[in-house]
Amino acid sequence: MTDTWEARLPSHVWIMAAVRHCHREGYPAFVVRKGERTTGLALVKVNRLDGSAAVYVQQRDLDGVLGWLPIFAEGSAEDSKAEDYIARSVKRDPDLWVIEVERADGGNPFAGREIAL
């Protein structure tokens, strides 16, 4: 187990805190799908408000540290492509949380450590 805060807080606690933080910063954020309450990983869809979306998925690196992996190498894709990816991800991992944020720049408001493609 790592010494990071992610390893100690249940998923539902830090996700709801992150959603509230987005609201305070002026970015609408919604939990679209609740996953496993204590250990579920998160996927963030950032709606760019122009028909495109960026998607970031939470992953552990080789040291077990959580980070964010951007799904589309170009940064974003058509909204329908993002939704297809999310549907496949939920099918593979029923414990997954899905959060949607509206942010025109496409940046991940939950970002901390980003994992390179």
PDB file of N, CA and C in Angstrom:
ATOM      1  N   MET A   1       0.841  -1.177   0.000  1.00  0.00           N
ATOM      2  CA  MET A   1       0.000   0.000   0.000  1.00  0.00           C
ATOM      3  C   MET A   1       0.888   1.242   0.000  1.00  0.00           C
ATOM      4  N   THR A   2       0.452   2.248  -0.737  1.00  0.00           N
ATOM      5  CA  THR A   2       1.236   3.478  -0.820  1.00  0.00           C
ATOM      6  C   THR A   2       0.867   4.421   0.314  1.00  0.00           C
ATOM      7  N   ASP A   3       1.668   5.462   0.490  1.00  0.00           N
ATOM      8  CA  ASP A   3       1.419   6.453   1.535  1.00  0.00           C
ATOM      9  C   ASP A   3       0.598   7.632   1.036  1.00  0.00           C
ATOM     10  N   THR A   4       0.032   7.549  -0.137  1.00  0.00           N
ATOM     11  CA  THR A   4      -0.708   8.682  -0.681  1.00  0.00           C
ATOM     12  C   THR A   4      -2.101   8.753  -0.078  1.00  0.00           C
ATOM     13  N   TRP A   5      -2.687   9.957  -0.126  1.00  0.00           N
ATOM     14  CA  TRP A   5      -4.031  10.148   0.432  1.00  0.00           C
ATOM     15  C   TRP A   5      -5.060   9.289  -0.279  1.00  0.00           C
ATOM     16  N   GLU A   6      -4.823   8.996  -1.598  1.00  0.00           N
ATOM     17  CA  GLU A   6      -5.785   8.188  -2.334  1.00  0.00           C
ATOM     18  C   GLU A   6      -5.899   6.781  -1.754  1.00  0.00           C
ATOM     19  N   ALA A   7      -4.811   6.307  -1.181  1.00  0.00           N
ATOM     20  CA  ALA A   7      -4.803   4.954  -0.638  1.00  0.00           C
ATOM     21  C   ALA A   7      -5.581   4.873   0.672  1.00  0.00           C
ATOM     22  N   ARG A   8      -5.816   6.001   1.328  1.00  0.00           N
ATOM     23  CA  ARG A   8      -6.482   5.988   2.621  1.00  0.00           C
ATOM     24  C   ARG A   8      -7.950   6.394   2.558  1.00  0.00           C
ATOM     25  N   LEU A   9      -8.307   7.250   1.632  1.00  0.00           N
ATOM     26  CA  LEU A   9      -9.685   7.727   1.560  1.00  0.00           C
ATOM     27  C   LEU A   9     -10.542   6.810   0.698  1.00  0.00           C
ATOM     28  N   PRO A  10     -11.754   6.496   1.144  1.00  0.00           N
ATOM     29  CA  PRO A  10     -12.670   5.743   0.284  1.00  0.00           C
ATOM     30  C   PRO A  10     -13.010   6.578  -0.955  1.00  0.00           C
ATOM     31  N   SER A  11     -13.281   5.916  -2.055  1.00  0.00           N
ATOM     32  CA  SER A  11     -13.564   6.590  -3.324  1.00  0.00           C
ATOM     33  C   SER A  11     -14.659   7.629  -3.194  1.00  0.00           C
ATOM     34  N   HIS A  12     -15.766   7.261  -2.554  1.00  0.00           N
ATOM     35  CA  HIS A  12     -16.901   8.185  -2.504  1.00  0.00           C
ATOM     36  C   HIS A  12     -16.557   9.486  -1.772  1.00  0.00           C
ATOM     37  N   VAL A  13     -15.651   9.443  -0.829  1.00  0.00           N
ATOM     38  CA  VAL A  13     -15.292  10.644  -0.064  1.00  0.00           C
ATOM     39  C   VAL A  13     -14.499  11.621  -0.928  1.00  0.00           C
ATOM     40  N   TRP A  14     -13.415  11.143  -1.560  1.00  0.00           N
ATOM     41  CA  TRP A  14     -12.588  12.070  -2.326  1.00  0.00           C
ATOM     42  C   TRP A  14     -13.287  12.510  -3.604  1.00  0.00           C
ATOM     43  N   ILE A  15     -14.117  11.647  -4.199  1.00  0.00           N
ATOM     44  CA  ILE A  15     -14.831  12.034  -5.417  1.00  0.00           C
ATOM     45  C   ILE A  15     -15.829  13.148  -5.116  1.00  0.00           C
ATOM     46  N   MET A  16     -16.592  13.011  -4.049  1.00  0.00           N
ATOM     47  CA  MET A  16     -17.566  14.050  -3.717  1.00  0.00           C
ATOM     48  C   MET A  16     -16.856  15.355  -3.332  1.00  0.00           C
ATOM     49  N   ALA A  17     -15.715  15.253  -2.663  1.00  0.00           N
ATOM     50  CA  ALA A  17     -14.943  16.455  -2.335  1.00  0.00           C
ATOM     51  C   ALA A  17     -14.434  17.125  -3.618  1.00  0.00           C
ATOM     52  N   ALA A  18     -13.989  16.322  -4.578  1.00  0.00           N
ATOM     53  CA  ALA A  18     -13.492  16.867  -5.843  1.00  0.00           C
ATOM     54  C   ALA A  18     -14.616  17.529  -6.634  1.00  0.00           C
ATOM     55  N   VAL A  19     -15.806  16.943  -6.614  1.00  0.00           N
ATOM     56  CA  VAL A  19     -16.960  17.538  -7.306  1.00  0.00           C
ATOM     57  C   VAL A  19     -17.307  18.885  -6.668  1.00  0.00           C
ATOM     58  N   ARG A  20     -17.318  18.934  -5.353  1.00  0.00           N
ATOM     59  CA  ARG A  20     -17.584  20.207  -4.665  1.00  0.00           C
ATOM     60  C   ARG A  20     -16.513  21.249  -5.002  1.00  0.00           C
ATOM     61  N   HIS A  21     -15.265  20.811  -5.095  1.00  0.00           N
ATOM     62  CA  HIS A  21     -14.183  21.724  -5.460  1.00  0.00           C
ATOM     63  C   HIS A  21     -14.425  22.301  -6.864  1.00  0.00           C
ATOM     64  N   CYS A  22     -14.846  21.470  -7.795  1.00  0.00           N
ATOM     65  CA  CYS A  22     -15.151  21.947  -9.151  1.00  0.00           C
ATOM     66  C   CYS A  22     -16.233  23.021  -9.104  1.00  0.00           C
ATOM     67  N   HIS A  23     -17.281  22.790  -8.312  1.00  0.00           N
ATOM     68  CA  HIS A  23     -18.364  23.768  -8.197  1.00  0.00           C
ATOM     69  C   HIS A  23     -17.834  25.091  -7.659  1.00  0.00           C
ATOM     70  N   ARG A  24     -16.973  25.022  -6.656  1.00  0.00           N
ATOM     71  CA  ARG A  24     -16.392  26.251  -6.096  1.00  0.00           C
ATOM     72  C   ARG A  24     -15.544  27.002  -7.125  1.00  0.00           C
ATOM     73  N   GLU A  25     -14.880  26.247  -8.012  1.00  0.00           N
ATOM     74  CA  GLU A  25     -14.030  26.849  -9.035  1.00  0.00           C
ATOM     75  C   GLU A  25     -14.836  27.316 -10.252  1.00  0.00           C
ATOM     76  N   GLY A  26     -16.139  27.046 -10.258  1.00  0.00           N
ATOM     77  CA  GLY A  26     -16.994  27.495 -11.351  1.00  0.00           C
ATOM     78  C   GLY A  26     -17.185  26.509 -12.476  1.00  0.00           C
ATOM     79  N   TYR A  27     -16.800  25.250 -12.261  1.00  0.00           N
ATOM     80  CA  TYR A  27     -16.982  24.211 -13.268  1.00  0.00           C
ATOM     81  C   TYR A  27     -18.111  23.281 -12.824  1.00  0.00           C
ATOM     82  N   PRO A  28     -19.210  23.218 -13.569  1.00  0.00           N
ATOM     83  CA  PRO A  28     -20.249  22.248 -13.212  1.00  0.00           C
ATOM     84  C   PRO A  28     -19.674  20.834 -13.281  1.00  0.00           C
ATOM     85  N   ALA A  29     -19.955  20.032 -12.288  1.00  0.00           N
ATOM     86  CA  ALA A  29     -19.467  18.651 -12.232  1.00  0.00           C
ATOM     87  C   ALA A  29     -20.570  17.767 -11.673  1.00  0.00           C
ATOM     88  N   PHE A  30     -20.690  16.566 -12.231  1.00  0.00           N
ATOM     89  CA  PHE A  30     -21.765  15.659 -11.859  1.00  0.00           C
ATOM     90  C   PHE A  30     -21.243  14.237 -11.762  1.00  0.00           C
ATOM     91  N   VAL A  31     -21.696  13.502 -10.775  1.00  0.00           N
ATOM     92  CA  VAL A  31     -21.422  12.076 -10.722  1.00  0.00           C
ATOM     93  C   VAL A  31     -22.477  11.421 -11.609  1.00  0.00           C
ATOM     94  N   VAL A  32     -22.055  10.914 -12.746  1.00  0.00           N
ATOM     95  CA  VAL A  32     -22.960  10.311 -13.722  1.00  0.00           C
ATOM     96  C   VAL A  32     -23.253   8.862 -13.356  1.00  0.00           C
ATOM     97  N   ARG A  33     -22.242   8.217 -12.755  1.00  0.00           N
ATOM     98  CA  ARG A  33     -22.391   6.813 -12.364  1.00  0.00           C
ATOM     99  C   ARG A  33     -21.589   6.577 -11.099  1.00  0.00           C
ATOM    100  N   LYS A  34     -22.265   6.033 -10.097  1.00  0.00           N
ATOM    101  CA  LYS A  34     -21.566   5.679  -8.862  1.00  0.00           C
ATOM    102  C   LYS A  34     -20.971   4.288  -9.016  1.00  0.00           C
ATOM    103  N   GLY A  35     -19.726   4.179  -8.605  1.00  0.00           N
ATOM    104  CA  GLY A  35     -19.039   2.899  -8.648  1.00  0.00           C
ATOM    105  C   GLY A  35     -18.949   2.294  -7.259  1.00  0.00           C
ATOM    106  N   GLU A  36     -18.012   1.409  -7.085  1.00  0.00           N
ATOM    107  CA  GLU A  36     -17.808   0.768  -5.785  1.00  0.00           C
ATOM    108  C   GLU A  36     -17.422   1.833  -4.777  1.00  0.00           C
ATOM    109  N   ARG A  37     -18.102   1.841  -3.672  1.00  0.00           N
ATOM    110  CA  ARG A  37     -18.044   2.936  -2.702  1.00  0.00           C
ATOM    111  C   ARG A  37     -16.660   3.185  -2.103  1.00  0.00           C
ATOM    112  N   THR A  38     -15.904   2.153  -1.839  1.00  0.00           N
ATOM    113  CA  THR A  38     -14.628   2.372  -1.151  1.00  0.00           C
ATOM    114  C   THR A  38     -13.402   2.267  -2.054  1.00  0.00           C
ATOM    115  N   THR A  39     -13.423   1.390  -3.056  1.00  0.00           N
ATOM    116  CA  THR A  39     -12.207   1.152  -3.834  1.00  0.00           C
ATOM    117  C   THR A  39     -12.358   1.378  -5.335  1.00  0.00           C
ATOM    118  N   GLY A  40     -13.526   1.801  -5.795  1.00  0.00           N
ATOM    119  CA  GLY A  40     -13.728   1.994  -7.228  1.00  0.00           C
ATOM    120  C   GLY A  40     -12.844   3.103  -7.783  1.00  0.00           C
ATOM    121  N   LEU A  41     -12.292   2.871  -8.968  1.00  0.00           N
ATOM    122  CA  LEU A  41     -11.503   3.893  -9.647  1.00  0.00           C
ATOM    123  C   LEU A  41     -12.438   4.860 -10.359  1.00  0.00           C
ATOM    124  N   ALA A  42     -11.908   5.986 -10.809  1.00  0.00           N
ATOM    125  CA  ALA A  42     -12.730   7.016 -11.430  1.00  0.00           C
ATOM    126  C   ALA A  42     -12.336   7.258 -12.876  1.00  0.00           C
ATOM    127  N   LEU A  43     -13.324   7.643 -13.654  1.00  0.00           N
ATOM    128  CA  LEU A  43     -13.141   8.090 -15.018  1.00  0.00           C
ATOM    129  C   LEU A  43     -13.784   9.477 -15.089  1.00  0.00           C
ATOM    130  N   VAL A  44     -13.079  10.431 -15.673  1.00  0.00           N
ATOM    131  CA  VAL A  44     -13.583  11.797 -15.776  1.00  0.00           C
ATOM    132  C   VAL A  44     -13.760  12.150 -17.244  1.00  0.00           C
ATOM    133  N   LYS A  45     -14.984  12.540 -17.592  1.00  0.00           N
ATOM    134  CA  LYS A  45     -15.274  13.060 -18.930  1.00  0.00           C
ATOM    135  C   LYS A  45     -15.354  14.577 -18.792  1.00  0.00           C
ATOM    136  N   VAL A  46     -14.547  15.277 -19.574  1.00  0.00           N
ATOM    137  CA  VAL A  46     -14.575  16.737 -19.554  1.00  0.00           C
ATOM    138  C   VAL A  46     -15.252  17.195 -20.837  1.00  0.00           C
ATOM    139  N   ASN A  47     -16.488  17.644 -20.700  1.00  0.00           N
ATOM    140  CA  ASN A  47     -17.272  18.143 -21.821  1.00  0.00           C
ATOM    141  C   ASN A  47     -16.737  19.521 -22.182  1.00  0.00           C
ATOM    142  N   ARG A  48     -16.212  19.664 -23.402  1.00  0.00           N
ATOM    143  CA  ARG A  48     -15.610  20.931 -23.820  1.00  0.00           C
ATOM    144  C   ARG A  48     -16.644  21.933 -24.335  1.00  0.00           C
ATOM    145  N   LEU A  49     -17.915  21.548 -24.326  1.00  0.00           N
ATOM    146  CA  LEU A  49     -19.024  22.429 -24.705  1.00  0.00           C
ATOM    147  C   LEU A  49     -19.015  22.818 -26.178  1.00  0.00           C
ATOM    148  N   ASP A  50     -18.301  22.049 -26.994  1.00  0.00           N
ATOM    149  CA  ASP A  50     -18.252  22.304 -28.434  1.00  0.00           C
ATOM    150  C   ASP A  50     -18.495  21.027 -29.241  1.00  0.00           C
ATOM    151  N   GLY A  51     -19.062  20.000 -28.597  1.00  0.00           N
ATOM    152  CA  GLY A  51     -19.291  18.719 -29.266  1.00  0.00           C
ATOM    153  C   GLY A  51     -18.149  17.740 -29.098  1.00  0.00           C
ATOM    154  N   SER A  52     -17.124  18.153 -28.364  1.00  0.00           N
ATOM    155  CA  SER A  52     -16.002  17.251 -28.114  1.00  0.00           C
ATOM    156  C   SER A  52     -15.817  17.072 -26.608  1.00  0.00           C
ATOM    157  N   ALA A  53     -15.048  16.071 -26.259  1.00  0.00           N
ATOM    158  CA  ALA A  53     -14.804  15.787 -24.851  1.00  0.00           C
ATOM    159  C   ALA A  53     -13.429  15.156 -24.681  1.00  0.00           C
ATOM    160  N   ALA A  54     -12.818  15.441 -23.552  1.00  0.00           N
ATOM    161  CA  ALA A  54     -11.586  14.777 -23.141  1.00  0.00           C
ATOM    162  C   ALA A  54     -11.986  13.726 -22.098  1.00  0.00           C
ATOM    163  N   VAL A  55     -11.271  12.631 -22.053  1.00  0.00           N
ATOM    164  CA  VAL A  55     -11.551  11.582 -21.071  1.00  0.00           C
ATOM    165  C   VAL A  55     -10.243  11.224 -20.381  1.00  0.00           C
ATOM    166  N   TYR A  56     -10.318  11.138 -19.054  1.00  0.00           N
ATOM    167  CA  TYR A  56      -9.170  10.767 -18.234  1.00  0.00           C
ATOM    168  C   TYR A  56      -9.593   9.612 -17.344  1.00  0.00           C
ATOM    169  N   VAL A  57      -8.751   8.607 -17.252  1.00  0.00           N
ATOM    170  CA  VAL A  57      -9.057   7.470 -16.396  1.00  0.00           C
ATOM    171  C   VAL A  57      -7.981   7.344 -15.333  1.00  0.00           C
ATOM    172  N   GLN A  58      -8.422   6.975 -14.152  1.00  0.00           N
ATOM    173  CA  GLN A  58      -7.514   6.814 -13.030  1.00  0.00           C
ATOM    174  C   GLN A  58      -6.832   5.448 -13.157  1.00  0.00           C
ATOM    175  N   GLN A  59      -5.521   5.443 -13.059  1.00  0.00           N
ATOM    176  CA  GLN A  59      -4.731   4.212 -13.173  1.00  0.00           C
ATOM    177  C   GLN A  59      -3.621   4.229 -12.141  1.00  0.00           C
ATOM    178  N   ARG A  60      -3.140   3.054 -11.806  1.00  0.00           N
ATOM    179  CA  ARG A  60      -1.964   2.950 -10.937  1.00  0.00           C
ATOM    180  C   ARG A  60      -0.739   2.698 -11.802  1.00  0.00           C
ATOM    181  N   ASP A  61       0.387   3.338 -11.431  1.00  0.00           N
ATOM    182  CA  ASP A  61       1.617   3.097 -12.164  1.00  0.00           C
ATOM    183  C   ASP A  61       2.299   1.847 -11.596  1.00  0.00           C
ATOM    184  N   LEU A  62       3.502   1.575 -12.046  1.00  0.00           N
ATOM    185  CA  LEU A  62       4.209   0.372 -11.606  1.00  0.00           C
ATOM    186  C   LEU A  62       4.526   0.364 -10.116  1.00  0.00           C
ATOM    187  N   ASP A  63       4.556   1.542  -9.505  1.00  0.00           N
ATOM    188  CA  ASP A  63       4.805   1.645  -8.068  1.00  0.00           C
ATOM    189  C   ASP A  63       3.514   1.632  -7.251  1.00  0.00           C
ATOM    190  N   GLY A  64       2.377   1.511  -7.933  1.00  0.00           N
ATOM    191  CA  GLY A  64       1.091   1.492  -7.239  1.00  0.00           C
ATOM    192  C   GLY A  64       0.524   2.854  -6.920  1.00  0.00           C
ATOM    193  N   VAL A  65       1.129   3.921  -7.457  1.00  0.00           N
ATOM    194  CA  VAL A  65       0.673   5.285  -7.201  1.00  0.00           C
ATOM    195  C   VAL A  65      -0.392   5.656  -8.229  1.00  0.00           C
ATOM    196  N   LEU A  66      -1.491   6.239  -7.738  1.00  0.00           N
ATOM    197  CA  LEU A  66      -2.565   6.649  -8.638  1.00  0.00           C
ATOM    198  C   LEU A  66      -2.172   7.862  -9.460  1.00  0.00           C
ATOM    199  N   GLY A  67      -2.594   7.848 -10.705  1.00  0.00           N
ATOM    200  CA  GLY A  67      -2.398   8.977 -11.600  1.00  0.00           C
ATOM    201  C   GLY A  67      -3.531   9.007 -12.606  1.00  0.00           C
ATOM    202  N   TRP A  68      -3.486   9.943 -13.534  1.00  0.00           N
ATOM    203  CA  TRP A  68      -4.536  10.111 -14.535  1.00  0.00           C
ATOM    204  C   TRP A  68      -3.968   9.870 -15.916  1.00  0.00           C
ATOM    205  N   LEU A  69      -4.632   9.019 -16.670  1.00  0.00           N
ATOM    206  CA  LEU A  69      -4.227   8.686 -18.027  1.00  0.00           C
ATOM    207  C   LEU A  69      -5.198   9.336 -19.003  1.00  0.00           C
ATOM    208  N   PRO A  70      -4.724  10.262 -19.860  1.00  0.00           N
ATOM    209  CA  PRO A  70      -5.618  10.820 -20.877  1.00  0.00           C
ATOM    210  C   PRO A  70      -5.878   9.744 -21.933  1.00  0.00           C
ATOM    211  N   ILE A  71      -7.118   9.581 -22.315  1.00  0.00           N
ATOM    212  CA  ILE A  71      -7.482   8.497 -23.230  1.00  0.00           C
ATOM    213  C   ILE A  71      -7.181   8.834 -24.690  1.00  0.00           C
ATOM    214  N   PHE A  72      -7.427  10.049 -25.096  1.00  0.00           N
ATOM    215  CA  PHE A  72      -7.241  10.413 -26.495  1.00  0.00           C
ATOM    216  C   PHE A  72      -5.921  11.156 -26.665  1.00  0.00           C
ATOM    217  N   ALA A  73      -5.057  10.617 -27.532  1.00  0.00           N
ATOM    218  CA  ALA A  73      -3.742  11.214 -27.757  1.00  0.00           C
ATOM    219  C   ALA A  73      -3.854  12.660 -28.228  1.00  0.00           C
ATOM    220  N   GLU A  74      -4.932  12.983 -28.936  1.00  0.00           N
ATOM    221  CA  GLU A  74      -5.135  14.341 -29.433  1.00  0.00           C
ATOM    222  C   GLU A  74      -5.658  15.269 -28.355  1.00  0.00           C
ATOM    223  N   GLY A  75      -5.947  14.745 -27.185  1.00  0.00           N
ATOM    224  CA  GLY A  75      -6.487  15.545 -26.089  1.00  0.00           C
ATOM    225  C   GLY A  75      -7.982  15.407 -25.942  1.00  0.00           C
ATOM    226  N   SER A  76      -8.701  15.404 -27.064  1.00  0.00           N
ATOM    227  CA  SER A  76     -10.145  15.228 -27.003  1.00  0.00           C
ATOM    228  C   SER A  76     -10.619  14.556 -28.280  1.00  0.00           C
ATOM    229  N   ALA A  77     -11.881  14.174 -28.272  1.00  0.00           N
ATOM    230  CA  ALA A  77     -12.493  13.514 -29.423  1.00  0.00           C
ATOM    231  C   ALA A  77     -13.959  13.920 -29.467  1.00  0.00           C
ATOM    232  N   GLU A  78     -14.653  13.509 -30.517  1.00  0.00           N
ATOM    233  CA  GLU A  78     -16.081  13.772 -30.596  1.00  0.00           C
ATOM    234  C   GLU A  78     -16.768  13.180 -29.373  1.00  0.00           C
ATOM    235  N   ASP A  79     -17.810  13.851 -28.925  1.00  0.00           N
ATOM    236  CA  ASP A  79     -18.534  13.411 -27.740  1.00  0.00           C
ATOM    237  C   ASP A  79     -19.020  11.963 -27.871  1.00  0.00           C
ATOM    238  N   SER A  80     -19.479  11.567 -29.049  1.00  0.00           N
ATOM    239  CA  SER A  80     -19.971  10.198 -29.235  1.00  0.00           C
ATOM    240  C   SER A  80     -18.849   9.173 -29.047  1.00  0.00           C
ATOM    241  N   LYS A  81     -17.647   9.509 -29.471  1.00  0.00           N
ATOM    242  CA  LYS A  81     -16.499   8.613 -29.281  1.00  0.00           C
ATOM    243  C   LYS A  81     -16.167   8.492 -27.791  1.00  0.00           C
ATOM    244  N   ALA A  82     -16.255   9.597 -27.072  1.00  0.00           N
ATOM    245  CA  ALA A  82     -16.020   9.579 -25.627  1.00  0.00           C
ATOM    246  C   ALA A  82     -17.074   8.722 -24.931  1.00  0.00           C
ATOM    247  N   GLU A  83     -18.329   8.885 -25.298  1.00  0.00           N
ATOM    248  CA  GLU A  83     -19.402   8.099 -24.689  1.00  0.00           C
ATOM    249  C   GLU A  83     -19.240   6.612 -24.975  1.00  0.00           C
ATOM    250  N   ASP A  84     -18.815   6.259 -26.191  1.00  0.00           N
ATOM    251  CA  ASP A  84     -18.564   4.849 -26.525  1.00  0.00           C
ATOM    252  C   ASP A  84     -17.458   4.276 -25.646  1.00  0.00           C
ATOM    253  N   TYR A  85     -16.385   5.047 -25.453  1.00  0.00           N
ATOM    254  CA  TYR A  85     -15.287   4.599 -24.603  1.00  0.00           C
ATOM    255  C   TYR A  85     -15.771   4.378 -23.174  1.00  0.00           C
ATOM    256  N   ILE A  86     -16.569   5.309 -22.662  1.00  0.00           N
ATOM    257  CA  ILE A  86     -17.083   5.191 -21.295  1.00  0.00           C
ATOM    258  C   ILE A  86     -17.961   3.953 -21.151  1.00  0.00           C
ATOM    259  N   ALA A  87     -18.842   3.705 -22.113  1.00  0.00           N
ATOM    260  CA  ALA A  87     -19.716   2.525 -22.060  1.00  0.00           C
ATOM    261  C   ALA A  87     -18.896   1.235 -22.032  1.00  0.00           C
ATOM    262  N   ARG A  88     -17.855   1.158 -22.846  1.00  0.00           N
ATOM    263  CA  ARG A  88     -16.993  -0.033 -22.848  1.00  0.00           C
ATOM    264  C   ARG A  88     -16.256  -0.172 -21.515  1.00  0.00           C
ATOM    265  N   SER A  89     -15.802   0.944 -20.965  1.00  0.00           N
ATOM    266  CA  SER A  89     -15.067   0.914 -19.694  1.00  0.00           C
ATOM    267  C   SER A  89     -15.938   0.419 -18.555  1.00  0.00           C
ATOM    268  N   VAL A  90     -17.178   0.892 -18.500  1.00  0.00           N
ATOM    269  CA  VAL A  90     -18.104   0.479 -17.442  1.00  0.00           C
ATOM    270  C   VAL A  90     -18.447  -1.003 -17.588  1.00  0.00           C
ATOM    271  N   LYS A  91     -18.548  -1.460 -18.816  1.00  0.00           N
ATOM    272  CA  LYS A  91     -18.832  -2.882 -19.061  1.00  0.00           C
ATOM    273  C   LYS A  91     -17.684  -3.757 -18.529  1.00  0.00           C
ATOM    274  N   ARG A  92     -16.427  -3.272 -18.732  1.00  0.00           N
ATOM    275  CA  ARG A  92     -15.246  -4.011 -18.260  1.00  0.00           C
ATOM    276  C   ARG A  92     -15.071  -3.911 -16.754  1.00  0.00           C
ATOM    277  N   ASP A  93     -15.422  -2.760 -16.186  1.00  0.00           N
ATOM    278  CA  ASP A  93     -15.203  -2.521 -14.761  1.00  0.00           C
ATOM    279  C   ASP A  93     -16.469  -1.947 -14.127  1.00  0.00           C
ATOM    280  N   PRO A  94     -17.341  -2.809 -13.623  1.00  0.00           N
ATOM    281  CA  PRO A  94     -18.601  -2.328 -13.043  1.00  0.00           C
ATOM    282  C   PRO A  94     -18.404  -1.522 -11.756  1.00  0.00           C
ATOM    283  N   ASP A  95     -17.209  -1.494 -11.194  1.00  0.00           N
ATOM    284  CA  ASP A  95     -16.921  -0.713  -9.984  1.00  0.00           C
ATOM    285  C   ASP A  95     -16.534   0.737 -10.298  1.00  0.00           C
ATOM    286  N   LEU A  96     -16.448   1.078 -11.576  1.00  0.00           N
ATOM    287  CA  LEU A  96     -15.953   2.374 -12.028  1.00  0.00           C
ATOM    288  C   LEU A  96     -16.938   3.508 -11.732  1.00  0.00           C
ATOM    289  N   TRP A  97     -16.406   4.623 -11.230  1.00  0.00           N
ATOM    290  CA  TRP A  97     -17.165   5.870 -11.065  1.00  0.00           C
ATOM    291  C   TRP A  97     -16.992   6.675 -12.341  1.00  0.00           C
ATOM    292  N   VAL A  98     -18.054   7.361 -12.786  1.00  0.00           N
ATOM    293  CA  VAL A  98     -17.964   8.233 -13.952  1.00  0.00           C
ATOM    294  C   VAL A  98     -18.402   9.633 -13.520  1.00  0.00           C
ATOM    295  N   ILE A  99     -17.519  10.592 -13.725  1.00  0.00           N
ATOM    296  CA  ILE A  99     -17.785  11.977 -13.366  1.00  0.00           C
ATOM    297  C   ILE A  99     -17.712  12.801 -14.644  1.00  0.00           C
ATOM    298  N   GLU A 100     -18.675  13.694 -14.843  1.00  0.00           N
ATOM    299  CA  GLU A 100     -18.636  14.595 -16.001  1.00  0.00           C
ATOM    300  C   GLU A 100     -18.476  16.019 -15.504  1.00  0.00           C
ATOM    301  N   VAL A 101     -17.574  16.727 -16.162  1.00  0.00           N
ATOM    302  CA  VAL A 101     -17.283  18.117 -15.833  1.00  0.00           C
ATOM    303  C   VAL A 101     -17.448  18.932 -17.108  1.00  0.00           C
ATOM    304  N   GLU A 102     -18.013  20.118 -16.993  1.00  0.00           N
ATOM    305  CA  GLU A 102     -18.102  21.034 -18.127  1.00  0.00           C
ATOM    306  C   GLU A 102     -16.986  22.053 -18.008  1.00  0.00           C
ATOM    307  N   ARG A 103     -16.060  21.980 -18.960  1.00  0.00           N
ATOM    308  CA  ARG A 103     -14.887  22.873 -18.912  1.00  0.00           C
ATOM    309  C   ARG A 103     -14.363  23.041 -20.337  1.00  0.00           C
ATOM    310  N   ALA A 104     -14.473  24.220 -20.879  1.00  0.00           N
ATOM    311  CA  ALA A 104     -14.141  24.467 -22.284  1.00  0.00           C
ATOM    312  C   ALA A 104     -12.689  24.138 -22.641  1.00  0.00           C
ATOM    313  N   ASP A 105     -11.759  24.283 -21.701  1.00  0.00           N
ATOM    314  CA  ASP A 105     -10.348  24.010 -22.026  1.00  0.00           C
ATOM    315  C   ASP A 105     -10.013  22.521 -22.035  1.00  0.00           C
ATOM    316  N   GLY A 106     -10.936  21.660 -21.578  1.00  0.00           N
ATOM    317  CA  GLY A 106     -10.717  20.217 -21.610  1.00  0.00           C
ATOM    318  C   GLY A 106      -9.780  19.688 -20.551  1.00  0.00           C
ATOM    319  N   GLY A 107      -9.299  20.543 -19.664  1.00  0.00           N
ATOM    320  CA  GLY A 107      -8.367  20.097 -18.633  1.00  0.00           C
ATOM    321  C   GLY A 107      -9.046  19.276 -17.550  1.00  0.00           C
ATOM    322  N   ASN A 108      -8.311  18.357 -16.988  1.00  0.00           N
ATOM    323  CA  ASN A 108      -8.827  17.505 -15.918  1.00  0.00           C
ATOM    324  C   ASN A 108      -8.751  18.250 -14.588  1.00  0.00           C
ATOM    325  N   PRO A 109      -9.894  18.629 -14.032  1.00  0.00           N
ATOM    326  CA  PRO A 109      -9.859  19.373 -12.774  1.00  0.00           C
ATOM    327  C   PRO A 109      -9.428  18.513 -11.586  1.00  0.00           C
ATOM    328  N   PHE A 110      -9.389  17.197 -11.758  1.00  0.00           N
ATOM    329  CA  PHE A 110      -8.952  16.304 -10.699  1.00  0.00           C
ATOM    330  C   PHE A 110      -7.464  16.003 -10.825  1.00  0.00           C
ATOM    331  N   ALA A 111      -6.825  16.559 -11.850  1.00  0.00           N
ATOM    332  CA  ALA A 111      -5.453  16.204 -12.172  1.00  0.00           C
ATOM    333  C   ALA A 111      -4.514  16.448 -11.009  1.00  0.00           C
ATOM    334  N   GLY A 112      -3.641  15.534 -10.872  1.00  0.00           N
ATOM    335  CA  GLY A 112      -2.543  15.620  -9.949  1.00  0.00           C
ATOM    336  C   GLY A 112      -1.369  15.092 -10.753  1.00  0.00           C
ATOM    337  N   ARG A 113      -1.179  13.843 -10.643  1.00  0.00           N
ATOM    338  CA  ARG A 113      -0.096  13.186 -11.371  1.00  0.00           C
ATOM    339  C   ARG A 113      -0.666  12.607 -12.651  1.00  0.00           C
ATOM    340  N   GLU A 114      -0.112  13.013 -13.795  1.00  0.00           N
ATOM    341  CA  GLU A 114      -0.592  12.494 -15.078  1.00  0.00           C
ATOM    342  C   GLU A 114       0.362  11.420 -15.563  1.00  0.00           C
ATOM    343  N   ILE A 115      -0.212  10.344 -16.059  1.00  0.00           N
ATOM    344  CA  ILE A 115       0.560   9.232 -16.609  1.00  0.00           C
ATOM    345  C   ILE A 115       0.685   9.456 -18.117  1.00  0.00           C
ATOM    346  N   ALA A 116       1.886   9.384 -18.647  1.00  0.00           N
ATOM    347  CA  ALA A 116       2.095   9.620 -20.081  1.00  0.00           C
ATOM    348  C   ALA A 116       1.583   8.445 -20.899  1.00  0.00           C
ATOM    349  N   LEU A 117       1.121   8.751 -22.093  1.00  0.00           N
ATOM    350  CA  LEU A 117       0.670   7.702 -23.015  1.00  0.00           C
ATOM    351  C   LEU A 117       1.841   6.911 -23.545  1.00  0.00           C
TER     352      LEU A 117
END
